[in-house]
Amino acid sequence: MPAALDQIEKPGVVIAKDAPRISVDHWVLADIPADRRSLQEGEDSSGFAKGGKPTGPTSHGVRGANVYAGFLPSKPDMAGSYGGYDGPCPPRNDQRPHRYVVEIFALDIERLVLPEGFTGNAMVDAMKGHVLARGAASATYSRWEGTK
């Protein structure tokens, strides 16, 4: 994601391919039950919800806060907690395709000690020393509307 969040979707602005970037979390889910082998499509989200979805316990794990919790609350009509999954939505004014990675971790403990509304960084810190295995899948996506 562009590091300059105030440039996202700003009329007349083009975010260059080489603009500074930051990594963000579109989904943070901890403490998935060990007997859980899959999530059904839409189980943690049936689409973007204006104002977000709650953080906290669900039947399939504990939701943390995703990236939208960090910058959408500054827009009065979008404020909320933004837990769960809110999918890819790269800015239309960004020349660089965004890379999305889904990671899953097998841990040697059943539950992490995390505060309400925890972030992905807090979850990574809590997992240190407990990771038995991990898997990942990635894809790229762009909504660039300018001349390529």
Protein backbone atom coordinates (compact mmCIF):
# COMPACT_ATOMS: atom_id res chain seq x y z
CA MET A 1 0.00 0.00 0.00
CA PRO A 2 1.28 3.52 -0.64
CA ALA A 3 2.91 4.95 2.47
CA ALA A 4 1.18 8.28 1.82
CA LEU A 5 -2.34 7.22 2.79
CA ASP A 6 -3.65 10.73 2.11
CA GLN A 7 -2.90 10.20 -1.61
CA ILE A 8 -5.26 7.22 -1.95
CA GLU A 9 -8.08 7.98 -4.40
CA LYS A 10 -7.14 11.69 -4.34
CA PRO A 11 -8.45 13.36 -7.51
CA GLY A 12 -5.68 14.40 -9.90
CA VAL A 13 -2.99 12.41 -8.07
CA VAL A 14 -1.15 9.43 -9.55
CA ILE A 15 0.74 7.20 -7.13
CA ALA A 16 3.93 6.19 -8.95
CA LYS A 17 5.11 2.59 -9.13
CA ASP A 18 8.22 3.53 -7.17
CA ALA A 19 6.41 5.51 -4.43
CA PRO A 20 7.27 4.40 -0.85
CA ARG A 21 5.18 1.44 0.37
CA ILE A 22 4.00 -0.08 3.63
CA SER A 23 2.71 -3.56 4.45
CA VAL A 24 -0.82 -3.77 5.83
CA ASP A 25 -3.19 -6.45 7.10
CA HIS A 26 -6.54 -6.98 5.39
CA TRP A 27 -7.38 -9.85 7.73
CA VAL A 28 -6.22 -10.74 11.22
CA LEU A 29 -7.66 -13.91 12.76
CA ALA A 30 -6.11 -15.68 15.75
CA ASP A 31 -6.90 -18.76 17.81
CA ILE A 32 -8.52 -20.72 14.98
CA PRO A 33 -9.67 -24.00 16.57
CA ALA A 34 -7.16 -26.82 15.94
CA ASP A 35 -9.87 -29.07 14.50
CA ARG A 36 -10.88 -26.42 11.95
CA ARG A 37 -9.72 -27.37 8.44
CA SER A 38 -11.34 -24.63 6.35
CA LEU A 39 -13.49 -21.54 6.27
CA GLN A 40 -16.37 -21.28 3.85
CA GLU A 41 -16.35 -18.43 1.36
CA GLY A 42 -17.71 -15.36 3.12
CA GLU A 43 -17.65 -16.98 6.57
CA ASP A 44 -15.62 -14.18 8.11
CA SER A 45 -16.95 -11.51 5.78
CA SER A 46 -19.76 -11.19 3.31
CA GLY A 47 -18.18 -8.03 1.89
CA PHE A 48 -16.99 -4.65 3.00
CA ALA A 49 -19.20 -3.23 5.75
CA LYS A 50 -19.25 0.54 6.15
CA GLY A 51 -18.17 1.11 9.74
CA GLY A 52 -16.49 -2.30 9.84
CA LYS A 53 -17.21 -5.56 11.58
CA PRO A 54 -16.56 -6.14 15.28
CA THR A 55 -13.27 -7.46 16.59
CA GLY A 56 -13.31 -10.29 19.12
CA PRO A 57 -14.42 -13.93 19.36
CA THR A 58 -16.23 -15.76 16.57
CA SER A 59 -16.98 -19.47 16.06
CA HIS A 60 -13.87 -19.75 13.87
CA GLY A 61 -11.31 -17.68 15.81
CA VAL A 62 -10.71 -14.27 17.32
CA ARG A 63 -10.83 -11.28 15.00
CA GLY A 64 -8.18 -8.61 15.21
CA ALA A 65 -8.29 -5.18 13.57
CA ASN A 66 -7.40 -4.89 9.89
CA VAL A 67 -5.81 -1.99 8.01
CA TYR A 68 -9.07 -0.10 7.56
CA ALA A 69 -9.26 0.48 11.34
CA GLY A 70 -6.13 2.57 11.00
CA PHE A 71 -7.27 5.12 8.43
CA LEU A 72 -11.00 4.96 7.75
CA PRO A 73 -12.08 6.24 11.19
CA SER A 74 -10.67 9.62 10.14
CA LYS A 75 -13.56 9.78 7.66
CA PRO A 76 -16.66 10.51 9.80
CA ASP A 77 -19.02 8.38 7.71
CA MET A 78 -16.64 5.37 7.82
CA ALA A 79 -15.60 5.16 11.50
CA GLY A 80 -15.67 1.71 13.06
CA SER A 81 -13.62 -1.18 14.42
CA TYR A 82 -12.89 -3.01 11.13
CA GLY A 83 -12.34 -6.53 12.40
CA GLY A 84 -12.30 -9.61 10.24
CA TYR A 85 -11.67 -9.78 6.53
CA ASP A 86 -11.93 -6.76 4.27
CA GLY A 87 -10.48 -7.72 0.95
CA PRO A 88 -8.23 -6.22 -1.65
CA CYS A 89 -9.06 -2.74 -2.83
CA PRO A 90 -5.94 -1.14 -4.30
CA PRO A 91 -6.37 2.53 -5.14
CA ARG A 92 -7.44 3.24 -8.70
CA ASN A 93 -4.78 5.96 -8.83
CA ASP A 94 -1.91 3.57 -7.94
CA GLN A 95 0.27 2.49 -10.86
CA ARG A 96 1.76 -0.43 -8.95
CA PRO A 97 -0.14 -3.72 -8.67
CA HIS A 98 -0.63 -4.75 -5.05
CA ARG A 99 0.60 -8.10 -3.78
CA TYR A 100 -1.70 -9.92 -1.37
CA VAL A 101 -0.42 -12.77 0.80
CA VAL A 102 -2.55 -15.06 2.97
CA GLU A 103 -0.53 -16.79 5.67
CA ILE A 104 -1.59 -19.40 8.16
CA PHE A 105 0.41 -20.63 11.12
CA ALA A 106 0.29 -23.82 13.19
CA LEU A 107 1.21 -23.05 16.79
CA ASP A 108 2.21 -25.13 19.77
CA ILE A 109 -0.36 -23.35 21.97
CA GLU A 110 -4.15 -23.22 21.74
CA ARG A 111 -4.59 -19.53 22.53
CA LEU A 112 -2.52 -16.39 22.18
CA VAL A 113 -2.64 -13.69 24.83
CA LEU A 114 -3.90 -10.69 22.86
CA PRO A 115 -5.72 -7.49 23.76
CA GLU A 116 -9.17 -6.64 22.35
CA GLY A 117 -8.82 -5.18 18.85
CA PHE A 118 -5.26 -6.47 18.44
CA THR A 119 -3.33 -5.79 15.25
CA GLY A 120 -1.43 -8.13 12.99
CA ASN A 121 1.85 -6.90 14.47
CA ALA A 122 0.64 -7.74 17.99
CA MET A 123 -0.35 -11.22 16.81
CA VAL A 124 3.06 -11.80 15.19
CA ASP A 125 4.77 -10.74 18.41
CA ALA A 126 2.57 -13.09 20.47
CA MET A 127 3.36 -16.01 18.13
CA LYS A 128 7.14 -15.70 18.53
CA GLY A 129 8.59 -18.98 19.74
CA HIS A 130 5.32 -20.87 19.12
CA VAL A 131 5.26 -21.45 15.34
CA LEU A 132 5.39 -25.13 14.35
CA ALA A 133 4.60 -24.68 10.65
CA ARG A 134 3.31 -22.07 8.22
CA GLY A 135 1.83 -21.86 4.77
CA ALA A 136 1.19 -19.00 2.36
CA ALA A 137 -0.46 -18.15 -0.94
CA SER A 138 -0.14 -14.89 -2.85
CA ALA A 139 -1.64 -13.00 -5.78
CA THR A 140 -1.38 -9.54 -7.32
CA TYR A 141 -4.22 -7.18 -8.18
CA SER A 142 -4.57 -3.67 -9.58
CA ARG A 143 -7.41 -1.24 -10.28
CA TRP A 144 -5.13 1.31 -12.03
CA GLU A 145 -7.28 3.30 -14.43
CA GLY A 146 -4.59 5.41 -16.07
CA THR A 147 -2.37 4.77 -19.05
CA LYS A 148 -0.15 1.80 -18.42
